[in-house]
Amino acid sequence: MATNDVSGGLAGSAPAAGAAPMFGAAPAFAQAAHGQLATAAGAIAGAHQAAVAGTLHLTEDAAHSLIDAIGQARDQVDELCGQANYDLNRPLSFGRSWVGDLVGARLHQLASGGDRSAALVLEEFRHVLDEVESTVRAASGLVFSTEDDQRRRMQQLQQKQELQQQQATDKQKGRLL
């Protein structure tokens, strides 16, 4: 019976030509995503400087449309962050052996821990969205939040609290089992 090797192939067999190691995809994704987000953040910083200097202008209608779209994207990212923190920030069990422990720890780190994790990419993307909104507000003269923005933030806080309560309940149930 063949067993899985942590290099991605079957024990005693060579990996397929061009195949990445089992744990190589997540760091490559995170590294590429960090690079793309850094590039976007640089471009946004340049646009923000232009908006503050008064050389970039948006109408209020265009700004409100963009802010709504950014808010929807932020809501989706917040939902993904909440799910990622809840779903991925758990110990993984691949059997009671040192290999199972090693595989579980490595996958957990790639998903939710360290500077190359998928969860961190989501957090960085949320920060980029905040910077885009700030730039849109500066370019349109909408310095203050609208009631819709405040309502959206309150809904986000309420959803976050509900998720934390659910996590605490699930954690408590896990202790009782």
N, C-alpha and C. Protein backbone atom coordinates (compact mmCIF):
# COMPACT_ATOMS: atom_id res chain seq x y z
N MET A 1 0.84 -1.17 0.00
CA MET A 1 0.00 0.00 0.00
C MET A 1 0.89 1.24 0.00
N ALA A 2 0.62 2.18 -0.89
CA ALA A 2 1.42 3.41 -1.00
C ALA A 2 0.93 4.43 0.01
N THR A 3 1.86 5.18 0.56
CA THR A 3 1.50 6.24 1.50
C THR A 3 1.94 7.57 0.93
N ASN A 4 1.24 8.60 1.34
CA ASN A 4 1.60 9.93 0.84
C ASN A 4 2.86 10.44 1.53
N ASP A 5 3.73 11.00 0.73
CA ASP A 5 4.97 11.60 1.17
C ASP A 5 4.72 13.11 1.25
N VAL A 6 5.33 13.82 2.20
CA VAL A 6 5.10 15.26 2.33
C VAL A 6 5.63 16.05 1.15
N SER A 7 6.39 15.42 0.24
CA SER A 7 6.87 16.16 -0.93
C SER A 7 5.82 16.24 -2.02
N GLY A 8 4.69 15.56 -1.86
CA GLY A 8 3.62 15.68 -2.83
C GLY A 8 3.46 14.45 -3.69
N GLY A 9 4.41 13.57 -3.75
CA GLY A 9 4.28 12.37 -4.56
C GLY A 9 4.02 11.17 -3.68
N LEU A 10 3.91 10.01 -4.28
CA LEU A 10 3.76 8.79 -3.52
C LEU A 10 5.13 8.33 -3.07
N ALA A 11 5.17 7.68 -1.92
CA ALA A 11 6.44 7.20 -1.40
C ALA A 11 7.07 6.27 -2.43
N GLY A 12 8.32 6.53 -2.72
CA GLY A 12 9.03 5.68 -3.67
C GLY A 12 8.82 6.06 -5.11
N SER A 13 8.03 7.08 -5.38
CA SER A 13 7.80 7.48 -6.76
C SER A 13 8.28 8.92 -6.95
N ALA A 14 8.61 9.24 -8.17
CA ALA A 14 9.06 10.60 -8.48
C ALA A 14 7.84 11.47 -8.73
N PRO A 15 7.87 12.74 -8.31
CA PRO A 15 6.74 13.62 -8.59
C PRO A 15 6.62 13.85 -10.10
N ALA A 16 5.41 14.15 -10.52
CA ALA A 16 5.16 14.41 -11.93
C ALA A 16 5.99 15.60 -12.38
N ALA A 17 6.36 15.62 -13.64
CA ALA A 17 7.17 16.71 -14.18
C ALA A 17 6.44 18.03 -13.98
N GLY A 18 7.15 19.00 -13.43
CA GLY A 18 6.57 20.33 -13.23
C GLY A 18 5.67 20.43 -12.01
N ALA A 19 5.51 19.34 -11.25
CA ALA A 19 4.63 19.37 -10.08
C ALA A 19 5.31 20.12 -8.96
N ALA A 20 4.53 20.96 -8.29
CA ALA A 20 5.05 21.71 -7.15
C ALA A 20 4.96 20.85 -5.91
N PRO A 21 5.83 21.06 -4.95
CA PRO A 21 5.70 20.34 -3.70
C PRO A 21 4.36 20.67 -3.05
N MET A 22 3.89 19.77 -2.20
CA MET A 22 2.57 19.92 -1.60
C MET A 22 2.42 21.25 -0.88
N PHE A 23 3.45 21.75 -0.24
CA PHE A 23 3.34 22.97 0.54
C PHE A 23 3.87 24.18 -0.20
N GLY A 24 4.17 24.08 -1.47
CA GLY A 24 4.75 25.19 -2.20
C GLY A 24 3.73 26.17 -2.73
N ALA A 25 2.48 25.74 -2.93
CA ALA A 25 1.49 26.60 -3.57
C ALA A 25 1.07 27.77 -2.68
N ALA A 26 0.83 27.52 -1.41
CA ALA A 26 0.36 28.58 -0.53
C ALA A 26 1.40 29.69 -0.38
N PRO A 27 2.68 29.38 -0.11
CA PRO A 27 3.64 30.48 -0.02
C PRO A 27 3.77 31.24 -1.34
N ALA A 28 3.70 30.54 -2.45
CA ALA A 28 3.79 31.20 -3.75
C ALA A 28 2.59 32.13 -3.94
N PHE A 29 1.40 31.67 -3.57
CA PHE A 29 0.21 32.50 -3.67
C PHE A 29 0.35 33.73 -2.79
N ALA A 30 0.72 33.51 -1.52
CA ALA A 30 0.84 34.63 -0.59
C ALA A 30 1.90 35.62 -1.05
N GLN A 31 3.03 35.11 -1.51
CA GLN A 31 4.10 35.99 -1.97
C GLN A 31 3.65 36.81 -3.18
N ALA A 32 2.99 36.18 -4.14
CA ALA A 32 2.50 36.89 -5.31
C ALA A 32 1.43 37.91 -4.91
N ALA A 33 0.54 37.52 -4.01
CA ALA A 33 -0.51 38.43 -3.56
C ALA A 33 0.08 39.63 -2.82
N HIS A 34 1.06 39.38 -1.96
CA HIS A 34 1.71 40.49 -1.26
C HIS A 34 2.35 41.45 -2.26
N GLY A 35 2.99 40.92 -3.28
CA GLY A 35 3.61 41.77 -4.30
C GLY A 35 2.59 42.60 -5.06
N GLN A 36 1.48 41.97 -5.43
CA GLN A 36 0.43 42.69 -6.15
C GLN A 36 -0.21 43.76 -5.26
N LEU A 37 -0.43 43.42 -4.00
CA LEU A 37 -1.01 44.40 -3.08
C LEU A 37 -0.06 45.57 -2.84
N ALA A 38 1.23 45.30 -2.77
CA ALA A 38 2.22 46.37 -2.59
C ALA A 38 2.21 47.30 -3.80
N THR A 39 2.12 46.72 -5.00
CA THR A 39 2.05 47.53 -6.22
C THR A 39 0.79 48.39 -6.21
N ALA A 40 -0.34 47.80 -5.85
CA ALA A 40 -1.60 48.55 -5.79
C ALA A 40 -1.52 49.65 -4.75
N ALA A 41 -0.96 49.34 -3.59
CA ALA A 41 -0.85 50.34 -2.52
C ALA A 41 0.02 51.52 -2.97
N GLY A 42 1.07 51.24 -3.71
CA GLY A 42 1.92 52.32 -4.24
C GLY A 42 1.16 53.21 -5.19
N ALA A 43 0.39 52.60 -6.08
CA ALA A 43 -0.40 53.38 -7.04
C ALA A 43 -1.47 54.20 -6.31
N ILE A 44 -2.07 53.61 -5.30
CA ILE A 44 -3.10 54.32 -4.53
C ILE A 44 -2.48 55.49 -3.78
N ALA A 45 -1.29 55.29 -3.23
CA ALA A 45 -0.61 56.38 -2.52
C ALA A 45 -0.34 57.55 -3.46
N GLY A 46 0.04 57.25 -4.69
CA GLY A 46 0.27 58.31 -5.67
C GLY A 46 -1.02 59.05 -6.00
N ALA A 47 -2.10 58.31 -6.16
CA ALA A 47 -3.39 58.94 -6.44
C ALA A 47 -3.85 59.77 -5.24
N HIS A 48 -3.59 59.27 -4.04
CA HIS A 48 -3.98 60.01 -2.84
C HIS A 48 -3.23 61.33 -2.74
N GLN A 49 -1.94 61.30 -3.06
CA GLN A 49 -1.15 62.54 -3.05
C GLN A 49 -1.71 63.54 -4.05
N ALA A 50 -2.10 63.03 -5.22
CA ALA A 50 -2.68 63.91 -6.25
C ALA A 50 -4.01 64.49 -5.76
N ALA A 51 -4.80 63.67 -5.07
CA ALA A 51 -6.09 64.16 -4.56
C ALA A 51 -5.87 65.22 -3.50
N VAL A 52 -4.92 65.00 -2.61
CA VAL A 52 -4.63 65.98 -1.54
C VAL A 52 -4.07 67.26 -2.15
N ALA A 53 -3.27 67.13 -3.20
CA ALA A 53 -2.68 68.30 -3.86
C ALA A 53 -3.71 69.05 -4.71
N GLY A 54 -4.86 68.41 -4.94
CA GLY A 54 -5.92 69.07 -5.71
C GLY A 54 -5.85 68.84 -7.20
N THR A 55 -5.01 67.91 -7.65
CA THR A 55 -4.91 67.64 -9.09
C THR A 55 -5.77 66.46 -9.52
N LEU A 56 -6.37 65.76 -8.58
CA LEU A 56 -7.28 64.65 -8.89
C LEU A 56 -8.63 64.98 -8.29
N HIS A 57 -9.66 64.97 -9.13
CA HIS A 57 -11.00 65.36 -8.67
C HIS A 57 -12.01 64.29 -9.09
N LEU A 58 -13.00 64.09 -8.24
CA LEU A 58 -14.14 63.22 -8.53
C LEU A 58 -15.42 63.97 -8.18
N THR A 59 -16.47 63.72 -8.93
CA THR A 59 -17.76 64.30 -8.55
C THR A 59 -18.29 63.54 -7.34
N GLU A 60 -19.21 64.17 -6.64
CA GLU A 60 -19.79 63.50 -5.47
C GLU A 60 -20.53 62.23 -5.87
N ASP A 61 -21.25 62.28 -7.01
CA ASP A 61 -21.98 61.10 -7.47
C ASP A 61 -21.03 59.95 -7.77
N ALA A 62 -19.94 60.26 -8.46
CA ALA A 62 -18.95 59.22 -8.77
C ALA A 62 -18.33 58.69 -7.48
N ALA A 63 -18.05 59.59 -6.56
CA ALA A 63 -17.45 59.18 -5.28
C ALA A 63 -18.40 58.27 -4.50
N HIS A 64 -19.67 58.64 -4.44
CA HIS A 64 -20.64 57.80 -3.72
C HIS A 64 -20.74 56.41 -4.36
N SER A 65 -20.75 56.36 -5.68
CA SER A 65 -20.79 55.06 -6.37
C SER A 65 -19.56 54.22 -6.04
N LEU A 66 -18.41 54.86 -6.08
CA LEU A 66 -17.17 54.13 -5.76
C LEU A 66 -17.14 53.70 -4.30
N ILE A 67 -17.57 54.57 -3.41
CA ILE A 67 -17.58 54.23 -1.99
C ILE A 67 -18.53 53.07 -1.72
N ASP A 68 -19.68 53.05 -2.40
CA ASP A 68 -20.60 51.91 -2.25
C ASP A 68 -19.94 50.62 -2.74
N ALA A 69 -19.28 50.67 -3.89
CA ALA A 69 -18.62 49.47 -4.42
C ALA A 69 -17.49 49.02 -3.49
N ILE A 70 -16.74 49.98 -2.97
CA ILE A 70 -15.66 49.65 -2.03
C ILE A 70 -16.26 49.04 -0.77
N GLY A 71 -17.37 49.59 -0.30
CA GLY A 71 -18.03 49.05 0.88
C GLY A 71 -18.49 47.62 0.68
N GLN A 72 -19.03 47.32 -0.50
CA GLN A 72 -19.44 45.95 -0.80
C GLN A 72 -18.23 45.01 -0.82
N ALA A 73 -17.15 45.47 -1.44
CA ALA A 73 -15.93 44.65 -1.48
C ALA A 73 -15.39 44.46 -0.06
N ARG A 74 -15.42 45.51 0.74
CA ARG A 74 -14.94 45.42 2.12
C ARG A 74 -15.79 44.44 2.91
N ASP A 75 -17.11 44.48 2.71
CA ASP A 75 -18.00 43.54 3.40
C ASP A 75 -17.63 42.10 3.05
N GLN A 76 -17.36 41.85 1.78
CA GLN A 76 -16.97 40.50 1.36
C GLN A 76 -15.64 40.09 1.97
N VAL A 77 -14.68 41.01 1.99
CA VAL A 77 -13.38 40.72 2.58
C VAL A 77 -13.52 40.47 4.08
N ASP A 78 -14.34 41.29 4.75
CA ASP A 78 -14.56 41.09 6.18
C ASP A 78 -15.18 39.73 6.45
N GLU A 79 -16.12 39.35 5.62
CA GLU A 79 -16.75 38.03 5.78
C GLU A 79 -15.72 36.92 5.57
N LEU A 80 -14.91 37.06 4.54
CA LEU A 80 -13.85 36.07 4.31
C LEU A 80 -12.85 36.03 5.45
N CYS A 81 -12.48 37.20 5.96
CA CYS A 81 -11.55 37.25 7.10
C CYS A 81 -12.14 36.54 8.30
N GLY A 82 -13.39 36.81 8.58
CA GLY A 82 -14.05 36.15 9.70
C GLY A 82 -14.11 34.65 9.52
N GLN A 83 -14.46 34.21 8.32
CA GLN A 83 -14.50 32.77 8.04
C GLN A 83 -13.11 32.17 8.12
N ALA A 84 -12.14 32.88 7.57
CA ALA A 84 -10.78 32.36 7.57
C ALA A 84 -10.26 32.23 8.99
N ASN A 85 -10.49 33.26 9.80
CA ASN A 85 -10.03 33.20 11.18
C ASN A 85 -10.73 32.08 11.95
N TYR A 86 -12.00 31.89 11.66
CA TYR A 86 -12.75 30.84 12.36
C TYR A 86 -12.40 29.45 11.83
N ASP A 87 -12.42 29.31 10.51
CA ASP A 87 -12.21 27.99 9.90
C ASP A 87 -10.76 27.55 9.89
N LEU A 88 -9.86 28.49 9.66
CA LEU A 88 -8.46 28.12 9.47
C LEU A 88 -7.63 28.17 10.75
N ASN A 89 -8.10 28.88 11.74
CA ASN A 89 -7.31 29.02 12.95
C ASN A 89 -7.67 27.93 13.97
N ARG A 90 -7.63 26.71 13.50
CA ARG A 90 -7.89 25.55 14.33
C ARG A 90 -6.75 24.56 14.13
N PRO A 91 -6.44 23.81 15.15
CA PRO A 91 -5.43 22.78 14.95
C PRO A 91 -5.96 21.71 13.99
N LEU A 92 -5.11 21.28 13.09
CA LEU A 92 -5.49 20.26 12.12
C LEU A 92 -4.97 18.91 12.61
N SER A 93 -5.76 17.90 12.41
CA SER A 93 -5.36 16.58 12.89
C SER A 93 -5.24 15.63 11.71
N PHE A 94 -4.04 15.09 11.53
CA PHE A 94 -3.79 14.11 10.48
C PHE A 94 -3.27 12.82 11.10
N GLY A 95 -3.84 12.46 12.20
CA GLY A 95 -3.42 11.24 12.88
C GLY A 95 -2.50 11.56 14.03
N ARG A 96 -2.28 10.55 14.84
CA ARG A 96 -1.44 10.73 16.03
C ARG A 96 -0.05 10.19 15.77
N SER A 97 0.68 10.96 15.00
CA SER A 97 2.07 10.60 14.72
C SER A 97 2.83 11.89 14.47
N TRP A 98 4.13 11.80 14.47
CA TRP A 98 4.92 13.00 14.25
C TRP A 98 4.72 13.53 12.83
N VAL A 99 4.46 12.65 11.88
CA VAL A 99 4.21 13.10 10.50
C VAL A 99 2.88 13.85 10.43
N GLY A 100 1.85 13.28 11.05
CA GLY A 100 0.55 13.94 11.08
C GLY A 100 0.62 15.29 11.76
N ASP A 101 1.37 15.35 12.88
CA ASP A 101 1.55 16.62 13.59
C ASP A 101 2.28 17.64 12.72
N LEU A 102 3.31 17.19 12.02
CA LEU A 102 4.10 18.07 11.16
C LEU A 102 3.25 18.62 10.01
N VAL A 103 2.51 17.76 9.35
CA VAL A 103 1.66 18.17 8.24
C VAL A 103 0.59 19.14 8.74
N GLY A 104 -0.05 18.82 9.85
CA GLY A 104 -1.08 19.68 10.40
C GLY A 104 -0.56 21.05 10.78
N ALA A 105 0.60 21.07 11.44
CA ALA A 105 1.20 22.36 11.84
C ALA A 105 1.57 23.20 10.63
N ARG A 106 2.13 22.57 9.60
CA ARG A 106 2.55 23.31 8.41
C ARG A 106 1.34 23.88 7.66
N LEU A 107 0.31 23.09 7.49
CA LEU A 107 -0.88 23.59 6.80
C LEU A 107 -1.55 24.70 7.60
N HIS A 108 -1.58 24.56 8.92
CA HIS A 108 -2.15 25.60 9.77
C HIS A 108 -1.37 26.90 9.62
N GLN A 109 -0.05 26.81 9.59
CA GLN A 109 0.79 28.01 9.44
C GLN A 109 0.54 28.68 8.09
N LEU A 110 0.44 27.88 7.03
CA LEU A 110 0.22 28.46 5.70
C LEU A 110 -1.14 29.13 5.60
N ALA A 111 -2.12 28.58 6.29
CA ALA A 111 -3.46 29.13 6.20
C ALA A 111 -3.65 30.36 7.07
N SER A 112 -3.16 30.31 8.30
CA SER A 112 -3.54 31.38 9.21
C SER A 112 -2.41 31.98 10.02
N GLY A 113 -1.20 31.52 9.86
CA GLY A 113 -0.13 32.05 10.70
C GLY A 113 1.04 32.56 9.89
N GLY A 114 1.77 33.44 10.49
CA GLY A 114 2.99 33.91 9.86
C GLY A 114 2.77 35.00 8.84
N ASP A 115 3.88 35.47 8.29
CA ASP A 115 3.83 36.60 7.36
C ASP A 115 3.54 36.17 5.93
N ARG A 116 3.36 34.87 5.68
CA ARG A 116 3.05 34.40 4.33
C ARG A 116 1.73 33.63 4.31
N SER A 117 0.82 33.97 5.20
CA SER A 117 -0.43 33.23 5.30
C SER A 117 -1.51 33.82 4.41
N ALA A 118 -2.47 32.99 4.08
CA ALA A 118 -3.61 33.43 3.28
C ALA A 118 -4.45 34.44 4.07
N ALA A 119 -4.59 34.23 5.39
CA ALA A 119 -5.38 35.15 6.21
C ALA A 119 -4.76 36.55 6.21
N LEU A 120 -3.45 36.62 6.24
CA LEU A 120 -2.78 37.93 6.22
C LEU A 120 -3.01 38.65 4.89
N VAL A 121 -3.05 37.91 3.81
CA VAL A 121 -3.33 38.52 2.50
C VAL A 121 -4.70 39.19 2.53
N LEU A 122 -5.69 38.54 3.12
CA LEU A 122 -7.02 39.14 3.22
C LEU A 122 -7.00 40.42 4.05
N GLU A 123 -6.26 40.40 5.15
CA GLU A 123 -6.15 41.59 5.99
C GLU A 123 -5.48 42.73 5.22
N GLU A 124 -4.44 42.41 4.46
CA GLU A 124 -3.76 43.45 3.68
C GLU A 124 -4.68 44.01 2.60
N PHE A 125 -5.47 43.15 1.98
CA PHE A 125 -6.41 43.61 0.96
C PHE A 125 -7.43 44.55 1.58
N ARG A 126 -7.88 44.26 2.77
CA ARG A 126 -8.84 45.14 3.45
C ARG A 126 -8.21 46.51 3.68
N HIS A 127 -6.96 46.53 4.06
CA HIS A 127 -6.25 47.80 4.27
C HIS A 127 -6.16 48.58 2.95
N VAL A 128 -5.89 47.90 1.85
CA VAL A 128 -5.83 48.56 0.54
C VAL A 128 -7.19 49.17 0.20
N LEU A 129 -8.27 48.45 0.48
CA LEU A 129 -9.61 49.00 0.23
C LEU A 129 -9.85 50.26 1.06
N ASP A 130 -9.39 50.25 2.30
CA ASP A 130 -9.53 51.45 3.14
C ASP A 130 -8.76 52.63 2.53
N GLU A 131 -7.58 52.37 2.00
CA GLU A 131 -6.79 53.43 1.37
C GLU A 131 -7.46 53.94 0.10
N VAL A 132 -8.09 53.05 -0.66
CA VAL A 132 -8.81 53.47 -1.87
C VAL A 132 -9.96 54.38 -1.47
N GLU A 133 -10.70 53.99 -0.44
CA GLU A 133 -11.82 54.83 0.00
C GLU A 133 -11.33 56.19 0.47
N SER A 134 -10.26 56.21 1.20
CA SER A 134 -9.69 57.48 1.67
C SER A 134 -9.31 58.37 0.48
N THR A 135 -8.75 57.77 -0.55
CA THR A 135 -8.35 58.52 -1.75
C THR A 135 -9.58 59.07 -2.48
N VAL A 136 -10.62 58.23 -2.59
CA VAL A 136 -11.85 58.68 -3.25
C VAL A 136 -12.45 59.85 -2.48
N ARG A 137 -12.47 59.74 -1.17
CA ARG A 137 -13.02 60.83 -0.35
C ARG A 137 -12.21 62.11 -0.52
N ALA A 138 -10.89 61.98 -0.55
CA ALA A 138 -10.04 63.15 -0.72
C ALA A 138 -10.24 63.79 -2.09
N ALA A 139 -10.42 62.97 -3.12
CA ALA A 139 -10.57 63.48 -4.48
C ALA A 139 -11.92 64.14 -4.71
N SER A 140 -12.89 63.78 -3.89
CA SER A 140 -14.23 64.34 -4.09
C SER A 140 -14.60 65.38 -3.04
N GLY A 141 -13.77 65.54 -2.04
CA GLY A 141 -14.09 66.47 -0.98
C GLY A 141 -14.99 65.89 0.08
N LEU A 142 -15.27 64.59 0.02
CA LEU A 142 -16.10 63.92 1.02
C LEU A 142 -15.20 63.45 2.16
N VAL A 143 -14.88 64.36 3.03
CA VAL A 143 -13.94 64.04 4.09
C VAL A 143 -14.61 63.23 5.19
N PHE A 144 -15.88 63.48 5.43
CA PHE A 144 -16.57 62.82 6.52
C PHE A 144 -17.39 61.64 6.01
N SER A 145 -17.60 60.69 6.90
CA SER A 145 -18.40 59.51 6.56
C SER A 145 -19.87 59.89 6.46
N THR A 146 -20.58 59.19 5.62
CA THR A 146 -22.02 59.40 5.50
C THR A 146 -22.74 58.46 6.46
N GLU A 147 -24.02 58.68 6.60
CA GLU A 147 -24.82 57.81 7.47
C GLU A 147 -24.78 56.37 6.96
N ASP A 148 -24.79 56.18 5.64
CA ASP A 148 -24.71 54.82 5.09
C ASP A 148 -23.40 54.15 5.49
N ASP A 149 -22.31 54.89 5.46
CA ASP A 149 -21.01 54.34 5.87
C ASP A 149 -21.05 53.92 7.33
N GLN A 150 -21.63 54.79 8.17
CA GLN A 150 -21.71 54.48 9.59
C GLN A 150 -22.61 53.26 9.84
N ARG A 151 -23.73 53.18 9.13
CA ARG A 151 -24.64 52.04 9.27
C ARG A 151 -23.93 50.75 8.85
N ARG A 152 -23.16 50.81 7.77
CA ARG A 152 -22.43 49.63 7.30
C ARG A 152 -21.40 49.19 8.34
N ARG A 153 -20.71 50.16 8.91
CA ARG A 153 -19.71 49.82 9.94
C ARG A 153 -20.37 49.20 11.16
N MET A 154 -21.53 49.72 11.55
CA MET A 154 -22.24 49.15 12.70
C MET A 154 -22.69 47.72 12.40
N GLN A 155 -23.16 47.47 11.18
CA GLN A 155 -23.54 46.11 10.80
C GLN A 155 -22.33 45.19 10.83
N GLN A 156 -21.20 45.67 10.38
CA GLN A 156 -19.98 44.86 10.40
C GLN A 156 -19.58 44.52 11.82
N LEU A 157 -19.65 45.49 12.71
CA LEU A 157 -19.32 45.24 14.11
C LEU A 157 -20.29 44.23 14.73
N GLN A 158 -21.56 44.36 14.40
CA GLN A 158 -22.55 43.43 14.92
C GLN A 158 -22.30 42.02 14.40
N GLN A 159 -21.98 41.88 13.11
CA GLN A 159 -21.68 40.56 12.54
C GLN A 159 -20.43 39.97 13.18
N LYS A 160 -19.43 40.81 13.42
CA LYS A 160 -18.20 40.33 14.05
C LYS A 160 -18.49 39.82 15.46
N GLN A 161 -19.33 40.56 16.20
CA GLN A 161 -19.68 40.13 17.55
C GLN A 161 -20.44 38.81 17.52
N GLU A 162 -21.37 38.67 16.58
CA GLU A 162 -22.13 37.43 16.46
C GLU A 162 -21.21 36.26 16.13
N LEU A 163 -20.25 36.48 15.25
CA LEU A 163 -19.29 35.43 14.89
C LEU A 163 -18.45 35.05 16.10
N GLN A 164 -18.00 36.03 16.87
CA GLN A 164 -17.20 35.75 18.06
C GLN A 164 -18.02 34.98 19.09
N GLN A 165 -19.29 35.32 19.23
CA GLN A 165 -20.16 34.59 20.15
C GLN A 165 -20.33 33.15 19.68
N GLN A 166 -20.51 32.96 18.37
CA GLN A 166 -20.65 31.61 17.82
C GLN A 166 -19.38 30.80 18.03
N GLN A 167 -18.23 31.44 17.83
CA GLN A 167 -16.95 30.76 18.04
C GLN A 167 -16.79 30.36 19.50
N ALA A 168 -17.17 31.24 20.42
CA ALA A 168 -17.06 30.93 21.84
C ALA A 168 -17.98 29.77 22.20
N THR A 169 -19.18 29.76 21.63
CA THR A 169 -20.12 28.67 21.86
C THR A 169 -19.56 27.36 21.32
N ASP A 170 -19.03 27.40 20.09
CA ASP A 170 -18.44 26.20 19.49
C ASP A 170 -17.25 25.71 20.30
N LYS A 171 -16.45 26.63 20.78
CA LYS A 171 -15.28 26.27 21.59
C LYS A 171 -15.73 25.60 22.88
N GLN A 172 -16.76 26.18 23.50
CA GLN A 172 -17.29 25.61 24.75
C GLN A 172 -17.85 24.22 24.49
N LYS A 173 -18.56 24.02 23.38
CA LYS A 173 -19.09 22.70 23.04
C LYS A 173 -17.96 21.70 22.84
N GLY A 174 -16.87 22.16 22.23
CA GLY A 174 -15.71 21.29 21.99
C GLY A 174 -15.10 20.84 23.30
N ARG A 175 -15.10 21.68 24.30
CA ARG A 175 -14.55 21.32 25.60
C ARG A 175 -15.42 20.32 26.33
N LEU A 176 -16.74 20.40 26.08
CA LEU A 176 -17.65 19.49 26.75
C LEU A 176 -17.60 18.09 26.18
N LEU A 177 -17.19 17.96 24.92
CA LEU A 177 -17.16 16.63 24.28
C LEU A 177 -16.05 15.80 24.75
